[in-house]
N, C-alpha and C. Protein backbone atom coordinates (compact mmCIF):
# COMPACT_ATOMS: atom_id res chain seq x y z
N MET A 1 -94.54 154.85 -13.25
CA MET A 1 -95.36 154.33 -12.17
C MET A 1 -96.78 154.17 -12.71
N SER A 2 -97.37 153.02 -12.46
CA SER A 2 -98.71 152.79 -12.98
C SER A 2 -99.71 152.67 -11.85
N ILE A 3 -100.96 152.93 -12.17
CA ILE A 3 -102.03 152.82 -11.19
C ILE A 3 -102.43 151.35 -11.09
N ALA A 4 -102.83 150.92 -9.91
CA ALA A 4 -103.23 149.53 -9.70
C ALA A 4 -104.32 149.13 -10.69
N SER A 5 -104.32 147.88 -11.08
CA SER A 5 -105.24 147.41 -12.12
C SER A 5 -106.70 147.45 -11.69
N ASN A 6 -107.00 147.59 -10.40
CA ASN A 6 -108.39 147.62 -9.97
C ASN A 6 -108.98 149.02 -9.98
N SER A 7 -108.25 149.99 -10.50
CA SER A 7 -108.80 151.34 -10.56
C SER A 7 -109.88 151.43 -11.63
N SER A 8 -110.75 152.42 -11.52
CA SER A 8 -111.89 152.51 -12.42
C SER A 8 -111.56 153.31 -13.69
N TYR A 9 -110.34 153.72 -13.86
CA TYR A 9 -109.97 154.48 -15.05
C TYR A 9 -108.55 154.11 -15.46
N HIS A 10 -108.19 154.50 -16.65
CA HIS A 10 -106.85 154.24 -17.17
C HIS A 10 -106.17 155.58 -17.40
N LEU A 11 -104.87 155.63 -17.17
CA LEU A 11 -104.15 156.89 -17.36
C LEU A 11 -104.30 157.40 -18.78
N SER A 12 -104.44 156.52 -19.75
CA SER A 12 -104.58 156.96 -21.13
C SER A 12 -105.88 157.73 -21.35
N ASP A 13 -106.86 157.55 -20.47
CA ASP A 13 -108.14 158.24 -20.58
C ASP A 13 -108.10 159.64 -19.96
N LEU A 14 -107.03 159.96 -19.26
CA LEU A 14 -106.94 161.24 -18.57
C LEU A 14 -106.18 162.26 -19.41
N SER A 15 -106.49 163.53 -19.18
CA SER A 15 -105.75 164.58 -19.87
C SER A 15 -104.33 164.62 -19.33
N GLN A 16 -103.46 165.24 -20.07
CA GLN A 16 -102.07 165.38 -19.65
C GLN A 16 -101.98 166.16 -18.34
N ALA A 17 -102.81 167.19 -18.18
CA ALA A 17 -102.81 167.99 -16.96
C ALA A 17 -103.25 167.14 -15.75
N THR A 18 -104.27 166.32 -15.94
CA THR A 18 -104.74 165.46 -14.85
C THR A 18 -103.69 164.43 -14.50
N HIS A 19 -103.05 163.86 -15.50
CA HIS A 19 -101.98 162.90 -15.27
C HIS A 19 -100.85 163.55 -14.47
N ALA A 20 -100.47 164.75 -14.84
CA ALA A 20 -99.41 165.47 -14.12
C ALA A 20 -99.82 165.76 -12.68
N GLU A 21 -101.07 166.14 -12.48
CA GLU A 21 -101.56 166.42 -11.13
C GLU A 21 -101.50 165.17 -10.26
N ILE A 22 -101.86 164.03 -10.82
CA ILE A 22 -101.79 162.77 -10.07
C ILE A 22 -100.35 162.46 -9.70
N GLN A 23 -99.42 162.67 -10.62
CA GLN A 23 -98.01 162.42 -10.33
C GLN A 23 -97.51 163.34 -9.22
N VAL A 24 -97.89 164.61 -9.27
CA VAL A 24 -97.47 165.57 -8.25
C VAL A 24 -98.04 165.17 -6.89
N LEU A 25 -99.30 164.76 -6.84
CA LEU A 25 -99.91 164.32 -5.59
C LEU A 25 -99.22 163.08 -5.03
N ARG A 26 -98.85 162.16 -5.90
CA ARG A 26 -98.13 160.96 -5.45
C ARG A 26 -96.79 161.32 -4.83
N LEU A 27 -96.07 162.21 -5.51
CA LEU A 27 -94.78 162.64 -4.98
C LEU A 27 -94.93 163.35 -3.65
N ALA A 28 -95.91 164.24 -3.56
CA ALA A 28 -96.15 164.98 -2.32
C ALA A 28 -96.53 164.01 -1.20
N ALA A 29 -97.36 163.03 -1.50
CA ALA A 29 -97.76 162.05 -0.48
C ALA A 29 -96.55 161.25 0.00
N GLY A 30 -95.68 160.89 -0.92
CA GLY A 30 -94.46 160.17 -0.54
C GLY A 30 -93.57 161.00 0.37
N ILE A 31 -93.46 162.27 0.07
CA ILE A 31 -92.66 163.16 0.92
C ILE A 31 -93.29 163.28 2.30
N LEU A 32 -94.60 163.44 2.35
CA LEU A 32 -95.27 163.56 3.64
C LEU A 32 -95.20 162.28 4.46
N ASP A 33 -95.01 161.14 3.80
CA ASP A 33 -94.82 159.89 4.53
C ASP A 33 -93.56 159.93 5.39
N LEU A 34 -92.61 160.79 5.02
CA LEU A 34 -91.39 160.93 5.82
C LEU A 34 -91.71 161.37 7.25
N GLN A 35 -92.81 162.09 7.42
CA GLN A 35 -93.18 162.53 8.77
C GLN A 35 -93.42 161.33 9.68
N GLN A 36 -93.84 160.23 9.13
CA GLN A 36 -94.13 159.03 9.92
C GLN A 36 -92.98 158.02 9.92
N THR A 37 -92.19 158.01 8.85
CA THR A 37 -91.21 156.94 8.69
C THR A 37 -89.77 157.35 8.97
N ALA A 38 -89.45 158.60 8.79
CA ALA A 38 -88.06 159.04 8.98
C ALA A 38 -87.78 159.32 10.46
N SER A 39 -86.54 159.17 10.82
CA SER A 39 -86.15 159.47 12.21
C SER A 39 -86.24 160.97 12.45
N PRO A 40 -86.39 161.38 13.69
CA PRO A 40 -86.44 162.82 14.00
C PRO A 40 -85.22 163.57 13.46
N ARG A 41 -84.07 162.93 13.49
CA ARG A 41 -82.85 163.57 12.99
C ARG A 41 -82.97 163.90 11.50
N ILE A 42 -83.56 162.99 10.75
CA ILE A 42 -83.75 163.21 9.31
C ILE A 42 -84.82 164.26 9.07
N ARG A 43 -85.94 164.17 9.81
CA ARG A 43 -87.03 165.13 9.63
C ARG A 43 -86.61 166.56 9.94
N GLU A 44 -85.60 166.74 10.77
CA GLU A 44 -85.16 168.08 11.15
C GLU A 44 -84.14 168.69 10.18
N LEU A 45 -83.70 167.93 9.20
CA LEU A 45 -82.78 168.48 8.20
C LEU A 45 -83.48 169.59 7.42
N PRO A 46 -82.81 170.71 7.19
CA PRO A 46 -83.46 171.82 6.47
C PRO A 46 -84.03 171.40 5.11
N SER A 47 -83.32 170.57 4.39
CA SER A 47 -83.81 170.16 3.06
C SER A 47 -85.07 169.31 3.18
N VAL A 48 -85.14 168.42 4.17
CA VAL A 48 -86.31 167.58 4.35
C VAL A 48 -87.49 168.43 4.82
N LYS A 49 -87.23 169.38 5.73
CA LYS A 49 -88.28 170.27 6.19
C LYS A 49 -88.85 171.07 5.02
N ALA A 50 -87.98 171.54 4.14
CA ALA A 50 -88.42 172.32 2.97
C ALA A 50 -89.27 171.45 2.04
N LEU A 51 -88.87 170.20 1.82
CA LEU A 51 -89.65 169.30 0.98
C LEU A 51 -91.02 169.03 1.60
N MET A 52 -91.06 168.82 2.90
CA MET A 52 -92.35 168.56 3.56
C MET A 52 -93.26 169.79 3.48
N HIS A 53 -92.69 170.95 3.65
CA HIS A 53 -93.48 172.18 3.56
C HIS A 53 -94.04 172.34 2.13
N ALA A 54 -93.20 172.06 1.15
CA ALA A 54 -93.63 172.16 -0.25
C ALA A 54 -94.73 171.13 -0.55
N ALA A 55 -94.59 169.93 -0.02
CA ALA A 55 -95.61 168.89 -0.24
C ALA A 55 -96.94 169.30 0.38
N GLU A 56 -96.90 169.88 1.57
CA GLU A 56 -98.13 170.37 2.21
C GLU A 56 -98.76 171.46 1.36
N ALA A 57 -97.94 172.34 0.80
CA ALA A 57 -98.45 173.42 -0.05
C ALA A 57 -99.12 172.86 -1.31
N VAL A 58 -98.58 171.78 -1.86
CA VAL A 58 -99.18 171.15 -3.04
C VAL A 58 -100.59 170.69 -2.72
N PHE A 59 -100.75 170.00 -1.60
CA PHE A 59 -102.09 169.52 -1.23
C PHE A 59 -103.03 170.68 -0.97
N ASP A 60 -102.53 171.74 -0.33
CA ASP A 60 -103.36 172.91 -0.09
C ASP A 60 -103.79 173.57 -1.40
N GLU A 61 -102.83 173.74 -2.31
CA GLU A 61 -103.11 174.42 -3.58
C GLU A 61 -104.09 173.64 -4.44
N LEU A 62 -104.00 172.33 -4.39
CA LEU A 62 -104.89 171.50 -5.21
C LEU A 62 -106.20 171.18 -4.50
N GLY A 63 -106.38 171.74 -3.32
CA GLY A 63 -107.65 171.58 -2.61
C GLY A 63 -107.79 170.30 -1.82
N PHE A 64 -106.68 169.65 -1.52
CA PHE A 64 -106.73 168.41 -0.75
C PHE A 64 -106.19 168.59 0.65
N GLY A 65 -105.92 169.82 1.06
CA GLY A 65 -105.39 170.08 2.39
C GLY A 65 -106.44 169.95 3.46
N ASP A 66 -106.01 169.99 4.70
CA ASP A 66 -106.91 169.90 5.85
C ASP A 66 -107.59 171.25 6.02
N ASP A 67 -108.91 171.29 5.95
CA ASP A 67 -109.66 172.54 6.04
C ASP A 67 -109.53 173.20 7.41
N ASP A 68 -109.21 172.43 8.45
CA ASP A 68 -109.11 172.98 9.79
C ASP A 68 -107.77 173.65 10.07
N GLU A 69 -106.82 173.47 9.19
CA GLU A 69 -105.50 174.06 9.41
C GLU A 69 -105.36 175.34 8.61
N PRO A 70 -104.56 176.28 9.12
CA PRO A 70 -104.33 177.52 8.36
C PRO A 70 -103.53 177.23 7.11
N ASP A 71 -103.58 178.12 6.16
CA ASP A 71 -102.86 177.97 4.90
C ASP A 71 -101.37 177.83 5.19
N ARG A 72 -100.76 176.77 4.65
CA ARG A 72 -99.34 176.53 4.91
C ARG A 72 -98.49 176.92 3.71
N ALA A 73 -99.08 177.43 2.66
CA ALA A 73 -98.33 177.77 1.47
C ALA A 73 -97.29 178.84 1.80
N MET A 74 -96.15 178.72 1.16
CA MET A 74 -95.09 179.69 1.39
C MET A 74 -95.47 181.03 0.79
N PRO A 75 -95.18 182.12 1.49
CA PRO A 75 -95.48 183.43 0.92
C PRO A 75 -94.64 183.69 -0.31
N SER A 76 -95.20 184.41 -1.30
CA SER A 76 -94.43 184.68 -2.52
C SER A 76 -93.64 185.94 -2.42
């Protein structure tokens, strides 16, 4: 997956860690899109709920979560 050509940087200019973080954020964002696009029946599946919870935790852990919401990360 490549970044749109109008971006101000190139993936080759980023560190491997930054590149991985971008990929993880993209995946998490795609999973969270299910909240808007999937039917309620699909959103209620245990596996989908677990993926959505994990995606929310990714955003929280990387500092992109909603500051007004309590920590949603799963307890260890």
